[in-house]
Structure formats: structure tokens, C-alpha cells
Amino acid sequence: MKTPMPFCEELGAAAGSPFVRDMMIVKFQREVDALLLDEAELRKKAKGIRSRVAERDMVLGELEHLVAFDSTLQSISELSKLQTQDLTEVATILVNVMKKQTRATELLGVIENLKALPY
């Protein structure tokens, strides 16, 4: 039984020519560029949400020092819910950032391996 070829060698064999290999390199590089752009936008969004959370933390701190009226307690409760939602959203965004980073790293490895193939 023949052992399977590594992915990059299989791609190179399928390509069969430097022209097709170069096209694959360009395609993968475009995908990497798009992933890095998406990552930067997601990081910017997460940073905005974190600053909003920090501002709400200050408001919550001030509200906790006030006399415990029903409206104050309700405001604290609502702000706490918003904080939880925002922190959950930030966590989801950061997971997506990590996935994009992983994919970009994998593609960069494939690009390097394709460039190293002899033709």
C-alpha cells in the first residue's frame, strides 16, 4: 500500500506546472490578507466593546455608592446584564480572531511549502 503524499506535495503534483503553483500561491496569499484584515477589524470591535464595558464599570461603581432606591437597583441590574452580554460578545470575537490567526498561519505554511517545491 502506498503512503499518502503530504498535502503540499499533493497540491504540487496536482498543479503540475509552476504557473498553476503560482496561481495557488496568489490565491492563498489573498485569503491570508483577507483573514488578517478581518482579524484587525474584529480586534478593533473588541477593543471598542471593552472600552464600553470599562465605562459602564465606572457608572456601576458610582451607582453602588448611592442610596438603594428601586430605580438604582434596577439600573445596576440592567447595566450588569449589558456587561455580561458585551463580555460574552468579546469572548466570541476573540475566539474568531484565534481561528483566523490559525487559518492564516496554516495557509502561510502551505505557501512556503509550495514555494519550496521544485519545478
PDB file of N, CA and C in Angstrom:
ATOM      1  N   MET A   1       0.840  -1.178   0.000  1.00  0.00           N
ATOM      2  CA  MET A   1       0.000   0.000   0.000  1.00  0.00           C
ATOM      3  C   MET A   1       0.886   1.243   0.000  1.00  0.00           C
ATOM      4  N   LYS A   2       0.533   2.167  -0.798  1.00  0.00           N
ATOM      5  CA  LYS A   2       1.311   3.387  -0.958  1.00  0.00           C
ATOM      6  C   LYS A   2       0.915   4.389   0.135  1.00  0.00           C
ATOM      7  N   THR A   3       1.922   5.023   0.751  1.00  0.00           N
ATOM      8  CA  THR A   3       1.609   6.028   1.767  1.00  0.00           C
ATOM      9  C   THR A   3       1.143   7.303   1.080  1.00  0.00           C
ATOM     10  N   PRO A   4       0.170   7.982   1.674  1.00  0.00           N
ATOM     11  CA  PRO A   4      -0.330   9.206   1.044  1.00  0.00           C
ATOM     12  C   PRO A   4       0.732  10.304   1.051  1.00  0.00           C
ATOM     13  N   MET A   5       0.689  11.122   0.015  1.00  0.00           N
ATOM     14  CA  MET A   5       1.624  12.245  -0.080  1.00  0.00           C
ATOM     15  C   MET A   5       1.224  13.326   0.909  1.00  0.00           C
ATOM     16  N   PRO A   6       2.204  14.062   1.414  1.00  0.00           N
ATOM     17  CA  PRO A   6       1.854  15.231   2.220  1.00  0.00           C
ATOM     18  C   PRO A   6       1.016  16.203   1.386  1.00  0.00           C
ATOM     19  N   PHE A   7       0.215  17.004   2.059  1.00  0.00           N
ATOM     20  CA  PHE A   7      -0.736  17.892   1.394  1.00  0.00           C
ATOM     21  C   PHE A   7      -0.068  18.792   0.358  1.00  0.00           C
ATOM     22  N   CYS A   8       1.054  19.413   0.725  1.00  0.00           N
ATOM     23  CA  CYS A   8       1.715  20.348  -0.193  1.00  0.00           C
ATOM     24  C   CYS A   8       2.252  19.637  -1.428  1.00  0.00           C
ATOM     25  N   GLU A   9       2.818  18.454  -1.240  1.00  0.00           N
ATOM     26  CA  GLU A   9       3.319  17.700  -2.388  1.00  0.00           C
ATOM     27  C   GLU A   9       2.167  17.268  -3.283  1.00  0.00           C
ATOM     28  N   GLU A  10       1.051  16.903  -2.654  1.00  0.00           N
ATOM     29  CA  GLU A  10      -0.123  16.516  -3.426  1.00  0.00           C
ATOM     30  C   GLU A  10      -0.637  17.702  -4.241  1.00  0.00           C
ATOM     31  N   LEU A  11      -0.669  18.879  -3.620  1.00  0.00           N
ATOM     32  CA  LEU A  11      -1.076  20.078  -4.353  1.00  0.00           C
ATOM     33  C   LEU A  11      -0.125  20.354  -5.513  1.00  0.00           C
ATOM     34  N   GLY A  12       1.161  20.223  -5.235  1.00  0.00           N
ATOM     35  CA  GLY A  12       2.155  20.460  -6.278  1.00  0.00           C
ATOM     36  C   GLY A  12       2.023  19.474  -7.423  1.00  0.00           C
ATOM     37  N   ALA A  13       1.792  18.203  -7.084  1.00  0.00           N
ATOM     38  CA  ALA A  13       1.628  17.187  -8.122  1.00  0.00           C
ATOM     39  C   ALA A  13       0.366  17.452  -8.930  1.00  0.00           C
ATOM     40  N   ALA A  14      -0.685  17.876  -8.245  1.00  0.00           N
ATOM     41  CA  ALA A  14      -1.930  18.201  -8.939  1.00  0.00           C
ATOM     42  C   ALA A  14      -1.740  19.415  -9.832  1.00  0.00           C
ATOM     43  N   ALA A  15      -0.959  20.343  -9.360  1.00  0.00           N
ATOM     44  CA  ALA A  15      -0.721  21.560 -10.140  1.00  0.00           C
ATOM     45  C   ALA A  15       0.027  21.217 -11.414  1.00  0.00           C
ATOM     46  N   GLY A  16       1.118  20.482 -11.281  1.00  0.00           N
ATOM     47  CA  GLY A  16       1.840  20.019 -12.440  1.00  0.00           C
ATOM     48  C   GLY A  16       2.635  21.062 -13.199  1.00  0.00           C
ATOM     49  N   SER A  17       2.518  22.304 -12.826  1.00  0.00           N
ATOM     50  CA  SER A  17       3.297  23.330 -13.521  1.00  0.00           C
ATOM     51  C   SER A  17       3.537  24.502 -12.588  1.00  0.00           C
ATOM     52  N   PRO A  18       4.605  25.246 -12.838  1.00  0.00           N
ATOM     53  CA  PRO A  18       4.879  26.412 -11.997  1.00  0.00           C
ATOM     54  C   PRO A  18       3.773  27.461 -12.095  1.00  0.00           C
ATOM     55  N   PHE A  19       3.116  27.548 -13.253  1.00  0.00           N
ATOM     56  CA  PHE A  19       2.057  28.540 -13.426  1.00  0.00           C
ATOM     57  C   PHE A  19       0.896  28.275 -12.477  1.00  0.00           C
ATOM     58  N   VAL A  20       0.448  27.009 -12.424  1.00  0.00           N
ATOM     59  CA  VAL A  20      -0.665  26.660 -11.535  1.00  0.00           C
ATOM     60  C   VAL A  20      -0.235  26.817 -10.079  1.00  0.00           C
ATOM     61  N   ARG A  21       0.998  26.410  -9.781  1.00  0.00           N
ATOM     62  CA  ARG A  21       1.516  26.578  -8.419  1.00  0.00           C
ATOM     63  C   ARG A  21       1.498  28.052  -8.023  1.00  0.00           C
ATOM     64  N   ASP A  22       1.952  28.916  -8.925  1.00  0.00           N
ATOM     65  CA  ASP A  22       1.964  30.349  -8.633  1.00  0.00           C
ATOM     66  C   ASP A  22       0.553  30.892  -8.443  1.00  0.00           C
ATOM     67  N   MET A  23      -0.397  30.371  -9.218  1.00  0.00           N
ATOM     68  CA  MET A  23      -1.794  30.795  -9.045  1.00  0.00           C
ATOM     69  C   MET A  23      -2.311  30.393  -7.665  1.00  0.00           C
ATOM     70  N   MET A  24      -1.956  29.182  -7.227  1.00  0.00           N
ATOM     71  CA  MET A  24      -2.384  28.731  -5.899  1.00  0.00           C
ATOM     72  C   MET A  24      -1.751  29.599  -4.820  1.00  0.00           C
ATOM     73  N   ILE A  25      -0.489  29.945  -4.994  1.00  0.00           N
ATOM     74  CA  ILE A  25       0.190  30.796  -4.015  1.00  0.00           C
ATOM     75  C   ILE A  25      -0.516  32.141  -3.914  1.00  0.00           C
ATOM     76  N   VAL A  26      -0.849  32.732  -5.064  1.00  0.00           N
ATOM     77  CA  VAL A  26      -1.539  34.031  -5.066  1.00  0.00           C
ATOM     78  C   VAL A  26      -2.903  33.910  -4.397  1.00  0.00           C
ATOM     79  N   LYS A  27      -3.644  32.835  -4.705  1.00  0.00           N
ATOM     80  CA  LYS A  27      -4.965  32.645  -4.100  1.00  0.00           C
ATOM     81  C   LYS A  27      -4.856  32.520  -2.584  1.00  0.00           C
ATOM     82  N   PHE A  28      -3.926  31.698  -2.123  1.00  0.00           N
ATOM     83  CA  PHE A  28      -3.758  31.516  -0.685  1.00  0.00           C
ATOM     84  C   PHE A  28      -3.297  32.809  -0.017  1.00  0.00           C
ATOM     85  N   GLN A  29      -2.423  33.563  -0.686  1.00  0.00           N
ATOM     86  CA  GLN A  29      -1.951  34.828  -0.109  1.00  0.00           C
ATOM     87  C   GLN A  29      -3.097  35.826   0.011  1.00  0.00           C
ATOM     88  N   ARG A  30      -3.990  35.845  -0.982  1.00  0.00           N
ATOM     89  CA  ARG A  30      -5.166  36.729  -0.898  1.00  0.00           C
ATOM     90  C   ARG A  30      -6.045  36.341   0.287  1.00  0.00           C
ATOM     91  N   GLU A  31      -6.207  35.038   0.478  1.00  0.00           N
ATOM     92  CA  GLU A  31      -7.016  34.583   1.613  1.00  0.00           C
ATOM     93  C   GLU A  31      -6.361  34.980   2.935  1.00  0.00           C
ATOM     94  N   VAL A  32      -5.042  34.861   3.015  1.00  0.00           N
ATOM     95  CA  VAL A  32      -4.316  35.275   4.221  1.00  0.00           C
ATOM     96  C   VAL A  32      -4.522  36.767   4.461  1.00  0.00           C
ATOM     97  N   ASP A  33      -4.401  37.569   3.404  1.00  0.00           N
ATOM     98  CA  ASP A  33      -4.597  39.016   3.546  1.00  0.00           C
ATOM     99  C   ASP A  33      -6.003  39.340   4.042  1.00  0.00           C
ATOM    100  N   ALA A  34      -7.010  38.640   3.498  1.00  0.00           N
ATOM    101  CA  ALA A  34      -8.390  38.859   3.936  1.00  0.00           C
ATOM    102  C   ALA A  34      -8.567  38.451   5.395  1.00  0.00           C
ATOM    103  N   LEU A  35      -7.960  37.332   5.783  1.00  0.00           N
ATOM    104  CA  LEU A  35      -8.052  36.879   7.173  1.00  0.00           C
ATOM    105  C   LEU A  35      -7.419  37.887   8.125  1.00  0.00           C
ATOM    106  N   LEU A  36      -6.266  38.428   7.739  1.00  0.00           N
ATOM    107  CA  LEU A  36      -5.590  39.398   8.599  1.00  0.00           C
ATOM    108  C   LEU A  36      -6.385  40.694   8.704  1.00  0.00           C
ATOM    109  N   LEU A  37      -7.028  41.101   7.612  1.00  0.00           N
ATOM    110  CA  LEU A  37      -7.871  42.293   7.645  1.00  0.00           C
ATOM    111  C   LEU A  37      -9.077  42.067   8.552  1.00  0.00           C
ATOM    112  N   ASP A  38      -9.722  40.898   8.408  1.00  0.00           N
ATOM    113  CA  ASP A  38     -10.850  40.558   9.283  1.00  0.00           C
ATOM    114  C   ASP A  38     -10.415  40.534  10.739  1.00  0.00           C
ATOM    115  N   GLU A  39      -9.247  39.965  10.983  1.00  0.00           N
ATOM    116  CA  GLU A  39      -8.725  39.896  12.351  1.00  0.00           C
ATOM    117  C   GLU A  39      -8.553  41.291  12.935  1.00  0.00           C
ATOM    118  N   ALA A  40      -7.998  42.205  12.153  1.00  0.00           N
ATOM    119  CA  ALA A  40      -7.790  43.574  12.634  1.00  0.00           C
ATOM    120  C   ALA A  40      -9.122  44.255  12.934  1.00  0.00           C
ATOM    121  N   GLU A  41     -10.113  44.045  12.070  1.00  0.00           N
ATOM    122  CA  GLU A  41     -11.429  44.643  12.304  1.00  0.00           C
ATOM    123  C   GLU A  41     -12.082  44.062  13.554  1.00  0.00           C
ATOM    124  N   LEU A  42     -11.948  42.749  13.748  1.00  0.00           N
ATOM    125  CA  LEU A  42     -12.523  42.124  14.940  1.00  0.00           C
ATOM    126  C   LEU A  42     -11.839  42.623  16.208  1.00  0.00           C
ATOM    127  N   ARG A  43     -10.527  42.780  16.152  1.00  0.00           N
ATOM    128  CA  ARG A  43      -9.805  43.303  17.320  1.00  0.00           C
ATOM    129  C   ARG A  43     -10.252  44.728  17.644  1.00  0.00           C
ATOM    130  N   LYS A  44     -10.470  45.532  16.610  1.00  0.00           N
ATOM    131  CA  LYS A  44     -10.933  46.907  16.811  1.00  0.00           C
ATOM    132  C   LYS A  44     -12.320  46.910  17.456  1.00  0.00           C
ATOM    133  N   LYS A  45     -13.194  46.029  16.972  1.00  0.00           N
ATOM    134  CA  LYS A  45     -14.540  45.923  17.539  1.00  0.00           C
ATOM    135  C   LYS A  45     -14.473  45.483  19.000  1.00  0.00           C
ATOM    136  N   ALA A  46     -13.636  44.494  19.288  1.00  0.00           N
ATOM    137  CA  ALA A  46     -13.488  44.007  20.665  1.00  0.00           C
ATOM    138  C   ALA A  46     -12.950  45.102  21.572  1.00  0.00           C
ATOM    139  N   LYS A  47     -12.017  45.896  21.059  1.00  0.00           N
ATOM    140  CA  LYS A  47     -11.460  46.990  21.856  1.00  0.00           C
ATOM    141  C   LYS A  47     -12.539  48.016  22.186  1.00  0.00           C
ATOM    142  N   GLY A  48     -13.398  48.331  21.217  1.00  0.00           N
ATOM    143  CA  GLY A  48     -14.499  49.261  21.454  1.00  0.00           C
ATOM    144  C   GLY A  48     -15.464  48.741  22.507  1.00  0.00           C
ATOM    145  N   ILE A  49     -15.770  47.463  22.429  1.00  0.00           N
ATOM    146  CA  ILE A  49     -16.675  46.866  23.414  1.00  0.00           C
ATOM    147  C   ILE A  49     -16.035  46.884  24.796  1.00  0.00           C
ATOM    148  N   ARG A  50     -14.744  46.566  24.870  1.00  0.00           N
ATOM    149  CA  ARG A  50     -14.065  46.577  26.174  1.00  0.00           C
ATOM    150  C   ARG A  50     -14.037  47.975  26.777  1.00  0.00           C
ATOM    151  N   SER A  51     -13.878  49.002  25.947  1.00  0.00           N
ATOM    152  CA  SER A  51     -13.892  50.362  26.499  1.00  0.00           C
ATOM    153  C   SER A  51     -15.289  50.720  26.985  1.00  0.00           C
ATOM    154  N   ARG A  52     -16.315  50.248  26.276  1.00  0.00           N
ATOM    155  CA  ARG A  52     -17.696  50.464  26.722  1.00  0.00           C
ATOM    156  C   ARG A  52     -17.933  49.766  28.061  1.00  0.00           C
ATOM    157  N   VAL A  53     -17.403  48.570  28.205  1.00  0.00           N
ATOM    158  CA  VAL A  53     -17.534  47.826  29.462  1.00  0.00           C
ATOM    159  C   VAL A  53     -16.841  48.579  30.593  1.00  0.00           C
ATOM    160  N   ALA A  54     -15.672  49.134  30.321  1.00  0.00           N
ATOM    161  CA  ALA A  54     -14.940  49.882  31.352  1.00  0.00           C
ATOM    162  C   ALA A  54     -15.725  51.118  31.789  1.00  0.00           C
ATOM    163  N   GLU A  55     -16.348  51.809  30.829  1.00  0.00           N
ATOM    164  CA  GLU A  55     -17.162  52.980  31.180  1.00  0.00           C
ATOM    165  C   GLU A  55     -18.348  52.572  32.048  1.00  0.00           C
ATOM    166  N   ARG A  56     -18.992  51.471  31.674  1.00  0.00           N
ATOM    167  CA  ARG A  56     -20.126  51.001  32.476  1.00  0.00           C
ATOM    168  C   ARG A  56     -19.678  50.583  33.868  1.00  0.00           C
ATOM    169  N   ASP A  57     -18.482  50.021  33.984  1.00  0.00           N
ATOM    170  CA  ASP A  57     -17.963  49.653  35.304  1.00  0.00           C
ATOM    171  C   ASP A  57     -17.871  50.875  36.205  1.00  0.00           C
ATOM    172  N   MET A  58     -17.426  51.995  35.628  1.00  0.00           N
ATOM    173  CA  MET A  58     -17.346  53.227  36.423  1.00  0.00           C
ATOM    174  C   MET A  58     -18.736  53.677  36.850  1.00  0.00           C
ATOM    175  N   VAL A  59     -19.703  53.614  35.939  1.00  0.00           N
ATOM    176  CA  VAL A  59     -21.077  54.005  36.271  1.00  0.00           C
ATOM    177  C   VAL A  59     -21.639  53.077  37.336  1.00  0.00           C
ATOM    178  N   LEU A  60     -21.393  51.785  37.195  1.00  0.00           N
ATOM    179  CA  LEU A  60     -21.870  50.830  38.203  1.00  0.00           C
ATOM    180  C   LEU A  60     -21.261  51.122  39.568  1.00  0.00           C
ATOM    181  N   GLY A  61     -19.985  51.456  39.580  1.00  0.00           N
ATOM    182  CA  GLY A  61     -19.327  51.800  40.844  1.00  0.00           C
ATOM    183  C   GLY A  61     -19.973  53.004  41.506  1.00  0.00           C
ATOM    184  N   GLU A  62     -20.303  54.009  40.709  1.00  0.00           N
ATOM    185  CA  GLU A  62     -20.967  55.202  41.252  1.00  0.00           C
ATOM    186  C   GLU A  62     -22.369  54.866  41.747  1.00  0.00           C
ATOM    187  N   LEU A  63     -23.102  54.061  40.985  1.00  0.00           N
ATOM    188  CA  LEU A  63     -24.467  53.703  41.379  1.00  0.00           C
ATOM    189  C   LEU A  63     -24.487  52.901  42.677  1.00  0.00           C
ATOM    190  N   GLU A  64     -23.488  52.083  42.891  1.00  0.00           N
ATOM    191  CA  GLU A  64     -23.451  51.267  44.105  1.00  0.00           C
ATOM    192  C   GLU A  64     -23.235  52.108  45.353  1.00  0.00           C
ATOM    193  N   HIS A  65     -22.685  53.317  45.190  1.00  0.00           N
ATOM    194  CA  HIS A  65     -22.473  54.199  46.336  1.00  0.00           C
ATOM    195  C   HIS A  65     -23.712  55.022  46.670  1.00  0.00           C
ATOM    196  N   LEU A  66     -24.699  55.010  45.791  1.00  0.00           N
ATOM    197  CA  LEU A  66     -25.917  55.779  46.036  1.00  0.00           C
ATOM    198  C   LEU A  66     -26.828  55.026  46.994  1.00  0.00           C
ATOM    199  N   VAL A  67     -27.790  55.762  47.508  1.00  0.00           N
ATOM    200  CA  VAL A  67     -28.788  55.151  48.382  1.00  0.00           C
ATOM    201  C   VAL A  67     -29.566  54.131  47.556  1.00  0.00           C
ATOM    202  N   ALA A  68     -29.906  53.022  48.173  1.00  0.00           N
ATOM    203  CA  ALA A  68     -30.522  51.903  47.458  1.00  0.00           C
ATOM    204  C   ALA A  68     -31.996  52.158  47.168  1.00  0.00           C
ATOM    205  N   PHE A  69     -32.278  52.948  46.150  1.00  0.00           N
ATOM    206  CA  PHE A  69     -33.648  53.112  45.672  1.00  0.00           C
ATOM    207  C   PHE A  69     -33.928  51.997  44.677  1.00  0.00           C
ATOM    208  N   ASP A  70     -35.216  51.754  44.448  1.00  0.00           N
ATOM    209  CA  ASP A  70     -35.582  50.716  43.478  1.00  0.00           C
ATOM    210  C   ASP A  70     -35.023  51.022  42.089  1.00  0.00           C
ATOM    211  N   SER A  71     -35.081  52.292  41.702  1.00  0.00           N
ATOM    212  CA  SER A  71     -34.590  52.654  40.366  1.00  0.00           C
ATOM    213  C   SER A  71     -33.075  52.440  40.261  1.00  0.00           C
ATOM    214  N   THR A  72     -32.362  52.705  41.348  1.00  0.00           N
ATOM    215  CA  THR A  72     -30.912  52.493  41.347  1.00  0.00           C
ATOM    216  C   THR A  72     -30.598  51.008  41.215  1.00  0.00           C
ATOM    217  N   LEU A  73     -31.300  50.189  41.974  1.00  0.00           N
ATOM    218  CA  LEU A  73     -31.077  48.746  41.912  1.00  0.00           C
ATOM    219  C   LEU A  73     -31.432  48.180  40.538  1.00  0.00           C
ATOM    220  N   GLN A  74     -32.505  48.716  39.948  1.00  0.00           N
ATOM    221  CA  GLN A  74     -32.895  48.265  38.618  1.00  0.00           C
ATOM    222  C   GLN A  74     -31.842  48.679  37.583  1.00  0.00           C
ATOM    223  N   SER A  75     -31.317  49.890  37.721  1.00  0.00           N
ATOM    224  CA  SER A  75     -30.268  50.351  36.803  1.00  0.00           C
ATOM    225  C   SER A  75     -29.025  49.478  36.920  1.00  0.00           C
ATOM    226  N   ILE A  76     -28.657  49.159  38.150  1.00  0.00           N
ATOM    227  CA  ILE A  76     -27.493  48.290  38.366  1.00  0.00           C
ATOM    228  C   ILE A  76     -27.724  46.929  37.718  1.00  0.00           C
ATOM    229  N   SER A  77     -28.926  46.392  37.880  1.00  0.00           N
ATOM    230  CA  SER A  77     -29.251  45.091  37.304  1.00  0.00           C
ATOM    231  C   SER A  77     -29.173  45.125  35.776  1.00  0.00           C
ATOM    232  N   GLU A  78     -29.752  46.154  35.172  1.00  0.00           N
ATOM    233  CA  GLU A  78     -29.738  46.266  33.709  1.00  0.00           C
ATOM    234  C   GLU A  78     -28.317  46.456  33.171  1.00  0.00           C
ATOM    235  N   LEU A  79     -27.543  47.302  33.841  1.00  0.00           N
ATOM    236  CA  LEU A  79     -26.161  47.518  33.407  1.00  0.00           C
ATOM    237  C   LEU A  79     -25.332  46.247  33.551  1.00  0.00           C
ATOM    238  N   SER A  80     -25.588  45.497  34.601  1.00  0.00           N
ATOM    239  CA  SER A  80     -24.868  44.228  34.793  1.00  0.00           C
ATOM    240  C   SER A  80     -25.194  43.239  33.674  1.00  0.00           C
ATOM    241  N   LYS A  81     -26.459  43.202  33.254  1.00  0.00           N
ATOM    242  CA  LYS A  81     -26.844  42.329  32.140  1.00  0.00           C
ATOM    243  C   LYS A  81     -26.123  42.748  30.859  1.00  0.00           C
ATOM    244  N   LEU A  82     -26.075  44.066  30.614  1.00  0.00           N
ATOM    245  CA  LEU A  82     -25.371  44.561  29.429  1.00  0.00           C
ATOM    246  C   LEU A  82     -23.891  44.197  29.479  1.00  0.00           C
ATOM    247  N   GLN A  83     -23.313  44.306  30.675  1.00  0.00           N
ATOM    248  CA  GLN A  83     -21.899  43.949  30.838  1.00  0.00           C
ATOM    249  C   GLN A  83     -21.673  42.483  30.465  1.00  0.00           C
ATOM    250  N   THR A  84     -22.533  41.624  30.958  1.00  0.00           N
ATOM    251  CA  THR A  84     -22.407  40.194  30.679  1.00  0.00           C
ATOM    252  C   THR A  84     -22.532  39.919  29.184  1.00  0.00           C
ATOM    253  N   GLN A  85     -23.513  40.560  28.542  1.00  0.00           N
ATOM    254  CA  GLN A  85     -23.690  40.376  27.098  1.00  0.00           C
ATOM    255  C   GLN A  85     -22.458  40.849  26.329  1.00  0.00           C
ATOM    256  N   ASP A  86     -21.943  42.019  26.696  1.00  0.00           N
ATOM    257  CA  ASP A  86     -20.778  42.555  25.999  1.00  0.00           C
ATOM    258  C   ASP A  86     -19.543  41.685  26.214  1.00  0.00           C
ATOM    259  N   LEU A  87     -19.352  41.210  27.430  1.00  0.00           N
ATOM    260  CA  LEU A  87     -18.190  40.360  27.695  1.00  0.00           C
ATOM    261  C   LEU A  87     -18.295  39.028  26.950  1.00  0.00           C
ATOM    262  N   THR A  88     -19.507  38.510  26.821  1.00  0.00           N
ATOM    263  CA  THR A  88     -19.721  37.295  26.038  1.00  0.00           C
ATOM    264  C   THR A  88     -19.400  37.551  24.567  1.00  0.00           C
ATOM    265  N   GLU A  89     -19.831  38.716  24.067  1.00  0.00           N
ATOM    266  CA  GLU A  89     -19.548  39.065  22.675  1.00  0.00           C
ATOM    267  C   GLU A  89     -18.042  39.205  22.435  1.00  0.00           C
ATOM    268  N   VAL A  90     -17.348  39.833  23.376  1.00  0.00           N
ATOM    269  CA  VAL A  90     -15.894  39.980  23.249  1.00  0.00           C
ATOM    270  C   VAL A  90     -15.225  38.605  23.223  1.00  0.00           C
ATOM    271  N   ALA A  91     -15.675  37.703  24.085  1.00  0.00           N
ATOM    272  CA  ALA A  91     -15.095  36.357  24.110  1.00  0.00           C
ATOM    273  C   ALA A  91     -15.308  35.651  22.773  1.00  0.00           C
ATOM    274  N   THR A  92     -16.500  35.786  22.209  1.00  0.00           N
ATOM    275  CA  THR A  92     -16.794  35.182  20.910  1.00  0.00           C
ATOM    276  C   THR A  92     -15.914  35.782  19.818  1.00  0.00           C
ATOM    277  N   ILE A  93     -15.751  37.093  19.856  1.00  0.00           N
ATOM    278  CA  ILE A  93     -14.903  37.772  18.870  1.00  0.00           C
ATOM    279  C   ILE A  93     -13.468  37.265  18.970  1.00  0.00           C
ATOM    280  N   LEU A  94     -12.966  37.143  20.189  1.00  0.00           N
ATOM    281  CA  LEU A  94     -11.582  36.697  20.364  1.00  0.00           C
ATOM    282  C   LEU A  94     -11.384  35.246  19.916  1.00  0.00           C
ATOM    283  N   VAL A  95     -12.410  34.414  20.081  1.00  0.00           N
ATOM    284  CA  VAL A  95     -12.337  33.043  19.564  1.00  0.00           C
ATOM    285  C   VAL A  95     -12.234  33.080  18.038  1.00  0.00           C
ATOM    286  N   ASN A  96     -13.038  33.948  17.410  1.00  0.00           N
ATOM    287  CA  ASN A  96     -12.972  34.083  15.952  1.00  0.00           C
ATOM    288  C   ASN A  96     -11.609  34.601  15.499  1.00  0.00           C
ATOM    289  N   VAL A  97     -11.035  35.522  16.267  1.00  0.00           N
ATOM    290  CA  VAL A  97      -9.699  36.035  15.952  1.00  0.00           C
ATOM    291  C   VAL A  97      -8.687  34.890  15.987  1.00  0.00           C
ATOM    292  N   MET A  98      -8.766  34.062  17.009  1.00  0.00           N
ATOM    293  CA  MET A  98      -7.835  32.936  17.120  1.00  0.00           C
ATOM    294  C   MET A  98      -7.996  31.967  15.944  1.00  0.00           C
ATOM    295  N   LYS A  99      -9.241  31.721  15.520  1.00  0.00           N
ATOM    296  CA  LYS A  99      -9.474  30.837  14.377  1.00  0.00           C
ATOM    297  C   LYS A  99      -8.861  31.428  13.111  1.00  0.00           C
ATOM    298  N   LYS A 100      -9.029  32.733  12.925  1.00  0.00           N
ATOM    299  CA  LYS A 100      -8.469  33.391  11.742  1.00  0.00           C
ATOM    300  C   LYS A 100      -6.943  33.361  11.776  1.00  0.00           C
ATOM    301  N   GLN A 101      -6.370  33.564  12.955  1.00  0.00           N
ATOM    302  CA  GLN A 101      -4.912  33.501  13.079  1.00  0.00           C
ATOM    303  C   GLN A 101      -4.397  32.106  12.744  1.00  0.00           C
ATOM    304  N   THR A 102      -5.089  31.096  13.245  1.00  0.00           N
ATOM    305  CA  THR A 102      -4.686  29.714  12.990  1.00  0.00           C
ATOM    306  C   THR A 102      -4.759  29.396  11.503  1.00  0.00           C
ATOM    307  N   ARG A 103      -5.855  29.790  10.877  1.00  0.00           N
ATOM    308  CA  ARG A 103      -6.020  29.542   9.434  1.00  0.00           C
ATOM    309  C   ARG A 103      -4.946  30.280   8.632  1.00  0.00           C
ATOM    310  N   ALA A 104      -4.679  31.532   8.997  1.00  0.00           N
ATOM    311  CA  ALA A 104      -3.658  32.310   8.287  1.00  0.00           C
ATOM    312  C   ALA A 104      -2.288  31.653   8.425  1.00  0.00           C
ATOM    313  N   THR A 105      -1.970  31.172   9.614  1.00  0.00           N
ATOM    314  CA  THR A 105      -0.690  30.503   9.838  1.00  0.00           C
ATOM    315  C   THR A 105      -0.587  29.231   8.998  1.00  0.00           C
ATOM    316  N   GLU A 106      -1.683  28.466   8.952  1.00  0.00           N
ATOM    317  CA  GLU A 106      -1.687  27.249   8.136  1.00  0.00           C
ATOM    318  C   GLU A 106      -1.461  27.583   6.665  1.00  0.00           C
ATOM    319  N   LEU A 107      -2.157  28.602   6.174  1.00  0.00           N
ATOM    320  CA  LEU A 107      -2.015  28.979   4.768  1.00  0.00           C
ATOM    321  C   LEU A 107      -0.616  29.486   4.460  1.00  0.00           C
ATOM    322  N   LEU A 108      -0.037  30.239   5.380  1.00  0.00           N
ATOM    323  CA  LEU A 108       1.334  30.713   5.169  1.00  0.00           C
ATOM    324  C   LEU A 108       2.303  29.536   5.082  1.00  0.00           C
ATOM    325  N   GLY A 109       2.059  28.504   5.890  1.00  0.00           N
ATOM    326  CA  GLY A 109       2.879  27.295   5.813  1.00  0.00           C
ATOM    327  C   GLY A 109       2.727  26.597   4.470  1.00  0.00           C
ATOM    328  N   VAL A 110       1.488  26.520   3.979  1.00  0.00           N
ATOM    329  CA  VAL A 110       1.243  25.908   2.672  1.00  0.00           C
ATOM    330  C   VAL A 110       1.936  26.718   1.579  1.00  0.00           C
ATOM    331  N   ILE A 111       1.852  28.045   1.674  1.00  0.00           N
ATOM    332  CA  ILE A 111       2.505  28.909   0.685  1.00  0.00           C
ATOM    333  C   ILE A 111       4.009  28.657   0.666  1.00  0.00           C
ATOM    334  N   GLU A 112       4.617  28.605   1.846  1.00  0.00           N
ATOM    335  CA  GLU A 112       6.065  28.363   1.911  1.00  0.00           C
ATOM    336  C   GLU A 112       6.425  27.005   1.322  1.00  0.00           C
ATOM    337  N   ASN A 113       5.612  25.999   1.628  1.00  0.00           N
ATOM    338  CA  ASN A 113       5.877  24.663   1.085  1.00  0.00           C
ATOM    339  C   ASN A 113       5.702  24.629  -0.434  1.00  0.00           C
ATOM    340  N   LEU A 114       4.705  25.352  -0.936  1.00  0.00           N
ATOM    341  CA  LEU A 114       4.522  25.417  -2.385  1.00  0.00           C
ATOM    342  C   LEU A 114       5.700  26.108  -3.060  1.00  0.00           C
ATOM    343  N   LYS A 115       6.193  27.161  -2.425  1.00  0.00           N
ATOM    344  CA  LYS A 115       7.342  27.875  -2.991  1.00  0.00           C
ATOM    345  C   LYS A 115       8.588  26.991  -3.007  1.00  0.00           C
ATOM    346  N   ALA A 116       8.673  26.081  -2.051  1.00  0.00           N
ATOM    347  CA  ALA A 116       9.855  25.219  -1.941  1.00  0.00           C
ATOM    348  C   ALA A 116       9.823  24.032  -2.902  1.00  0.00           C
ATOM    349  N   LEU A 117       8.665  23.765  -3.506  1.00  0.00           N
ATOM    350  CA  LEU A 117       8.575  22.618  -4.415  1.00  0.00           C
ATOM    351  C   LEU A 117       9.426  22.855  -5.660  1.00  0.00           C
ATOM    352  N   PRO A 118      10.172  21.841  -6.069  1.00  0.00           N
ATOM    353  CA  PRO A 118      10.998  22.003  -7.280  1.00  0.00           C
ATOM    354  C   PRO A 118      10.151  21.852  -8.545  1.00  0.00           C
ATOM    355  N   TYR A 119      10.436  22.688  -9.527  1.00  0.00           N
ATOM    356  CA  TYR A 119       9.787  22.574 -10.843  1.00  0.00           C
ATOM    357  C   TYR A 119      10.809  22.773 -11.907  1.00  0.00           C
TER     358      TYR A 119
END
